[in-house]
Protein backbone atom coordinates (compact mmCIF):
# COMPACT_ATOMS: atom_id res chain seq x y z
CA MET A 1 94.35 136.97 185.60
CA LYS A 2 92.02 139.87 186.30
CA ILE A 3 88.70 139.87 188.16
CA THR A 4 86.36 142.77 187.40
CA PHE A 5 82.80 143.89 187.96
CA GLU A 6 81.15 145.05 184.74
CA ASN A 7 77.86 146.85 184.09
CA TYR A 8 75.49 145.10 181.72
CA ALA A 9 72.27 146.84 180.63
CA ILE A 10 69.11 144.71 180.43
CA PRO A 11 66.97 146.44 177.75
CA GLU A 12 63.71 144.74 178.67
CA PHE A 13 63.74 146.23 182.18
CA GLN A 14 66.27 149.05 181.68
CA LEU A 15 68.13 147.84 184.74
CA THR A 16 71.86 147.67 185.35
CA ALA A 17 73.27 144.62 187.06
CA LYS A 18 76.74 144.11 188.45
CA VAL A 19 78.26 141.05 186.78
CA ARG A 20 81.44 139.52 188.13
CA ALA A 21 83.94 138.59 185.43
CA MET A 22 87.32 136.86 185.36
CA GLU A 23 89.80 137.44 182.56
CA TYR A 24 92.94 135.78 181.28
CA MET A 25 95.09 137.24 178.51
CA PHE A 26 96.86 135.09 175.94
CA ARG A 27 99.31 136.24 173.28
CA VAL A 28 100.23 134.58 170.01
CA LYS A 29 103.57 135.74 168.63
CA TYR A 30 104.61 135.02 165.03
CA ASP A 31 108.35 135.40 164.49
CA ALA A 32 111.35 134.20 162.50
CA GLY A 33 112.03 130.47 162.49
CA ALA A 34 113.80 128.47 159.81
CA LYS A 35 113.35 131.61 157.66
CA ASP A 36 113.53 135.31 158.45
CA PHE A 37 110.21 136.97 159.17
CA ASP A 38 108.91 138.86 156.15
CA GLY A 39 105.20 139.31 156.81
CA LEU A 40 102.58 136.78 157.87
CA ASP A 41 100.43 135.46 155.05
CA MET A 42 96.84 136.34 155.96
CA TYR A 43 95.44 132.92 154.98
CA TYR A 44 97.93 130.94 157.08
CA GLY A 45 97.77 133.45 159.93
CA ALA A 46 93.96 133.39 160.11
CA LYS A 47 93.90 129.57 159.99
CA SER A 48 96.56 129.40 162.69
CA LEU A 49 94.76 131.82 165.02
CA GLY A 50 91.49 129.97 164.52
CA ALA A 51 93.17 126.67 165.36
CA ILE A 52 94.79 128.08 168.52
CA SER A 53 91.40 129.46 169.58
CA GLU A 54 89.89 126.02 168.98
CA PHE A 55 92.62 124.37 171.05
CA LEU A 56 91.94 126.78 173.94
CA LEU A 57 88.15 126.39 173.76
CA LEU A 58 88.20 122.58 173.72
CA SER A 59 90.89 122.28 176.41
CA ILE A 60 89.51 124.88 178.82
CA HIS A 61 85.97 123.51 178.50
CA ALA A 62 87.34 120.12 179.53
CA PHE A 63 89.16 121.64 182.52
CA ILE A 64 86.09 123.55 183.72
CA ASN A 65 83.30 121.08 182.95
CA GLU A 66 85.22 117.76 183.00
CA GLU A 67 83.56 116.69 179.78
CA ILE A 68 84.78 116.31 176.21
CA ILE A 69 83.16 118.28 173.40
CA LEU A 70 84.05 117.91 169.72
CA GLN A 71 82.90 121.32 168.48
CA ALA A 72 84.63 124.44 169.81
CA PRO A 73 81.48 126.65 169.67
CA SER A 74 79.86 124.27 172.19
CA ALA A 75 82.26 125.40 174.92
CA LYS A 76 80.36 126.90 177.84
CA GLY A 77 81.09 129.00 180.92
CA PHE A 78 83.53 131.35 179.16
CA LYS A 79 84.37 132.92 175.81
CA ILE A 80 87.49 133.66 173.80
CA VAL A 81 87.64 137.07 172.09
CA MET A 82 90.24 138.71 169.88
CA GLN A 83 91.72 141.94 171.14
CA ARG A 84 93.64 144.70 169.35
CA ALA A 85 97.05 143.45 168.24
CA SER A 86 100.15 144.93 169.86
CA ILE A 87 101.30 148.11 168.10
CA GLY A 88 104.52 147.60 166.14
CA SER A 89 104.52 143.80 166.40
CA TYR A 90 102.82 140.70 165.02
CA ASP A 91 101.61 139.65 168.46
CA GLN A 92 97.90 138.91 168.59
CA ILE A 93 96.19 139.32 171.95
CA ILE A 94 93.42 136.85 172.85
CA GLN A 95 91.21 137.47 175.87
CA MET A 96 89.45 134.73 177.81
CA VAL A 97 86.40 136.13 179.61
CA ILE A 98 84.51 134.13 182.26
CA THR A 99 81.19 135.44 183.59
CA ASP A 100 79.49 132.15 184.49
CA PRO A 101 79.52 131.92 188.34
CA HIS A 102 80.18 128.18 188.33
CA ALA A 103 83.11 128.54 185.92
CA ILE A 104 84.53 131.45 187.93
CA SER A 105 84.35 129.38 191.11
CA ILE A 106 86.21 126.49 189.47
CA MET A 107 88.90 128.72 187.97
CA GLU A 108 89.41 130.57 191.25
CA ASP A 109 89.87 127.27 193.05
CA LEU A 110 92.19 126.00 190.33
CA GLY A 111 94.41 129.10 190.34
CA LYS A 112 96.62 130.55 187.64
CA ASN A 113 99.56 128.17 188.23
CA ALA A 114 97.43 125.03 187.88
CA PHE A 115 95.67 126.51 184.84
CA TYR A 116 99.04 127.18 183.18
CA ASP A 117 100.27 123.68 184.03
CA LEU A 118 97.13 122.09 182.55
CA LEU A 119 97.49 123.95 179.25
CA LYS A 120 101.20 123.18 179.03
CA TYR A 121 100.67 119.52 179.93
CA MET A 122 97.95 119.17 177.31
CA VAL A 123 99.96 120.66 174.45
CA CYS A 124 103.22 118.95 175.47
CA SER A 125 101.49 115.55 175.60
CA LEU A 126 100.44 116.03 171.97
CA LEU A 127 103.92 117.05 170.83
CA GLY A 128 106.01 114.44 172.63
CA ILE A 129 107.63 117.01 174.92
CA PRO A 130 108.37 115.81 178.48
CA PHE A 131 106.57 117.90 181.12
CA LEU A 132 106.26 116.74 184.70
CA LEU A 133 102.90 117.76 186.14
CA LYS A 134 103.59 118.68 189.77
CA ASN A 135 100.68 120.96 190.68
CA ARG A 136 98.26 118.98 192.88
CA LYS A 137 95.09 120.59 191.53
CA ALA A 138 96.23 120.21 187.93
CA LYS A 139 96.98 116.51 188.51
CA LYS A 140 93.51 116.02 189.99
CA LYS A 141 91.93 117.53 186.87
CA ILE A 142 93.94 115.29 184.55
CA ILE A 143 92.94 112.19 186.54
CA ALA A 144 89.28 113.24 186.23
CA LEU A 145 89.70 113.38 182.43
CA MET A 146 91.78 110.20 182.10
CA GLN A 147 88.83 107.88 181.59
CA GLN A 148 87.33 110.04 178.84
CA ASN A 149 87.74 108.75 175.30
CA ASP A 150 90.48 109.63 172.83
CA ASP A 151 88.34 112.08 170.89
CA LEU A 152 89.79 115.12 172.70
CA HIS A 153 93.38 114.15 171.93
CA LYS A 154 92.57 113.54 168.28
CA ARG A 155 90.63 116.77 167.98
CA LEU A 156 93.40 118.78 169.62
CA GLU A 157 95.98 117.13 167.39
CA ASN A 158 94.06 118.35 164.33
CA SER A 159 93.99 121.86 165.81
CA LEU A 160 97.74 121.80 166.36
CA MET A 161 98.33 120.79 162.75
CA ALA A 162 96.45 123.89 161.56
CA ALA A 163 98.21 126.06 164.16
CA HIS A 164 101.50 125.07 162.48
CA LEU A 165 100.57 126.46 159.03
CA PRO A 166 102.88 129.52 159.33
CA VAL A 167 105.66 127.11 160.30
CA LYS A 168 104.96 124.70 157.46
CA HIS A 169 104.42 127.18 154.63
CA GLN A 170 106.51 130.19 155.63
CA GLY A 171 109.21 128.74 157.87
CA TYR A 172 108.22 130.88 160.84
CA SER A 173 107.83 130.08 164.54
CA THR A 174 104.66 130.59 166.59
CA ILE A 175 104.71 131.15 170.36
CA LEU A 176 101.65 130.87 172.61
CA LEU A 177 101.89 132.73 175.92
CA LEU A 178 99.65 133.07 178.97
CA GLY A 179 100.21 136.69 179.88
CA HIS A 180 103.96 137.05 179.45
CA THR A 181 104.77 133.40 180.24
CA PRO A 182 105.45 131.14 177.22
CA ILE A 183 103.36 127.95 177.06
CA ILE A 184 104.70 126.43 173.84
CA LYS A 185 106.73 127.28 170.76
CA PHE A 186 105.67 125.74 167.43
CA ASP A 187 108.61 125.26 165.06
CA GLU A 188 110.13 122.80 162.59
CA THR A 189 110.74 120.24 165.37
CA THR A 190 107.15 120.20 166.65
CA LEU A 191 105.83 120.14 163.07
CA SER A 192 108.01 117.13 162.27
CA TYR A 193 106.66 115.30 165.32
CA LEU A 194 103.07 115.85 164.17
CA GLU A 195 103.66 114.90 160.55
CA THR A 196 106.02 111.92 160.64
CA GLU A 197 105.75 108.37 162.00
CA ILE A 198 108.34 105.58 161.91
CA ILE A 199 107.34 102.04 162.92
CA GLU A 200 110.29 100.36 164.60
CA SER A 201 111.25 96.85 163.59
CA GLY A 202 110.72 94.14 166.17
CA SER A 203 109.00 94.38 169.54
CA GLU A 204 109.92 94.90 173.19
CA ILE A 205 108.42 94.64 176.66
CA VAL A 206 107.63 97.90 178.46
CA ALA A 207 106.38 98.42 182.03
CA VAL A 208 103.31 100.63 181.73
CA ALA A 209 99.98 101.32 183.40
CA VAL A 210 96.66 102.07 181.70
CA SER A 211 95.40 105.67 181.94
CA ARG A 212 92.58 105.28 179.42
CA PHE A 213 90.93 102.20 177.91
CA ASN A 214 88.09 101.30 175.55
CA ALA A 215 87.14 97.68 176.20
CA ARG A 216 85.22 97.41 172.91
CA THR A 217 88.12 98.41 170.64
CA GLY A 218 91.03 97.46 172.90
CA THR A 219 92.56 100.90 172.40
CA GLY A 220 93.68 103.33 175.07
CA ARG A 221 96.64 105.16 176.55
CA PHE A 222 99.68 103.98 178.55
CA ILE A 223 101.80 105.83 181.10
CA ASP A 224 105.21 104.81 182.46
CA ASP A 225 104.77 106.80 185.68
CA ILE A 226 101.75 108.14 187.54
CA ASP A 227 102.62 111.73 186.52
CA ALA A 228 103.94 110.94 183.04
CA ILE A 229 102.53 112.04 179.70
CA SER A 230 100.39 109.27 178.22
CA HIS A 231 100.82 107.64 174.81
CA SER A 232 98.09 105.95 172.83
CA PHE A 233 98.08 102.25 171.98
CA SER A 234 96.08 100.11 169.61
CA PRO A 235 96.21 96.31 169.42
CA ILE A 236 97.33 94.35 166.40
CA GLU A 237 94.25 92.56 165.06
CA GLY A 238 93.52 89.45 167.13
CA ALA A 239 96.35 90.12 169.60
CA ILE A 240 94.24 90.99 172.65
CA GLY A 241 91.75 88.59 174.22
CA ALA A 242 89.03 89.00 176.84
CA ASP A 243 91.38 88.18 179.75
CA GLU A 244 93.89 90.82 178.66
CA LYS A 245 91.13 93.40 178.25
CA SER A 246 89.93 92.62 181.76
CA LEU A 247 93.49 92.99 183.05
CA MET A 248 93.81 96.43 181.47
CA ALA A 249 90.39 97.55 182.71
CA ASP A 250 91.37 96.58 186.27
CA ASN A 251 94.65 98.44 185.91
CA LEU A 252 92.79 101.54 184.73
CA GLY A 253 90.83 101.49 187.98
CA LYS A 254 94.07 101.51 189.99
CA VAL A 255 95.44 104.47 188.05
CA ALA A 256 92.18 106.36 188.61
CA ARG A 257 92.80 105.93 192.35
CA GLY A 258 96.33 107.29 192.00
CA GLU A 259 98.05 103.88 192.18
CA PHE A 260 100.80 103.08 189.66
CA SER A 261 100.92 99.28 189.25
CA PRO A 262 102.58 98.55 185.89
CA LEU A 263 101.79 95.72 183.52
CA ASN A 264 104.17 94.10 181.06
CA ALA A 265 103.11 95.16 177.58
CA ILE A 266 104.60 93.65 174.44
CA VAL A 267 104.71 96.51 171.97
CA THR A 268 106.13 97.84 168.75
CA LYS A 269 107.00 101.52 169.12
CA VAL A 270 105.94 104.17 166.62
CA THR A 271 108.24 107.21 166.80
CA SER A 272 108.79 110.58 165.19
CA LYS A 273 111.69 111.14 162.80
CA ASP A 274 113.91 112.28 165.68
CA GLY A 275 113.12 109.17 167.74
CA ARG A 276 110.49 110.52 170.15
CA LEU A 277 107.76 108.05 171.07
CA LYS A 278 104.36 108.78 169.50
CA ARG A 279 102.29 105.66 170.13
CA TYR A 280 102.38 101.88 170.62
CA GLN A 281 101.20 98.93 168.57
CA LEU A 282 100.12 96.43 171.21
CA LEU A 283 100.94 92.74 170.77
CA GLY A 284 100.11 91.44 174.25
CA VAL A 285 99.90 92.31 177.94
CA SER A 286 100.39 90.45 181.21
CA ASP A 287 100.91 91.04 184.93
CA ALA A 288 104.37 92.36 185.78
């Protein structure tokens, strides 16, 4: 992170004002994966960089403004700009520039460690990778976003699919870093998680709490611990009645207050090819 004071000319008055700016540097590294690196196809590389930029814009806007937007250009309070690539490598440098005073204040309070944890938590939750969120300020941000709808997760999932194009079509790996610290590596394993779903036979009872819920559709997200990554659920048609919806809505309120009070959910698990949980089909729910 870097905080600077930059001169901006104002043509109408020919004045120079000191503008306080905060910067973060990201790097995207394309390298060998299932296949040796032999040049990044421009089409897949451009699509991948655009998707990573979209992921950053949508996520960071949510962290700063605590609201969900569906279009990356609508992000406010900061901007993402492409910098000169590293000489002699396929690393692409991406600069995040914040000049909005409100956004700077929030990011200063959040701190680099919490910012890193939020980004890692967000991408890991979409790829089925366990990541325990310990930072207090990062956890507070996630709780503030818990009751938002599922649109952000779905939108970010679409971005991650496009970010994987060099993996899918050229067999490469893609690493996203904040400064010199890796956030995530996209490879054949993460691609498989995004692309494949296996519906298990039979059902089971799991102890879970509700971290997000839409009373109209009966859909939402479950957690198995107050700090755990959430997984989406959707009810089998006709399986959930008004009493069960009320039970889940009440449970959501407890989670929002930081209280983990699990329910018994009857579910069928939907997993990736390697057995990692992706989502639940919900058959019923009751008090534990």
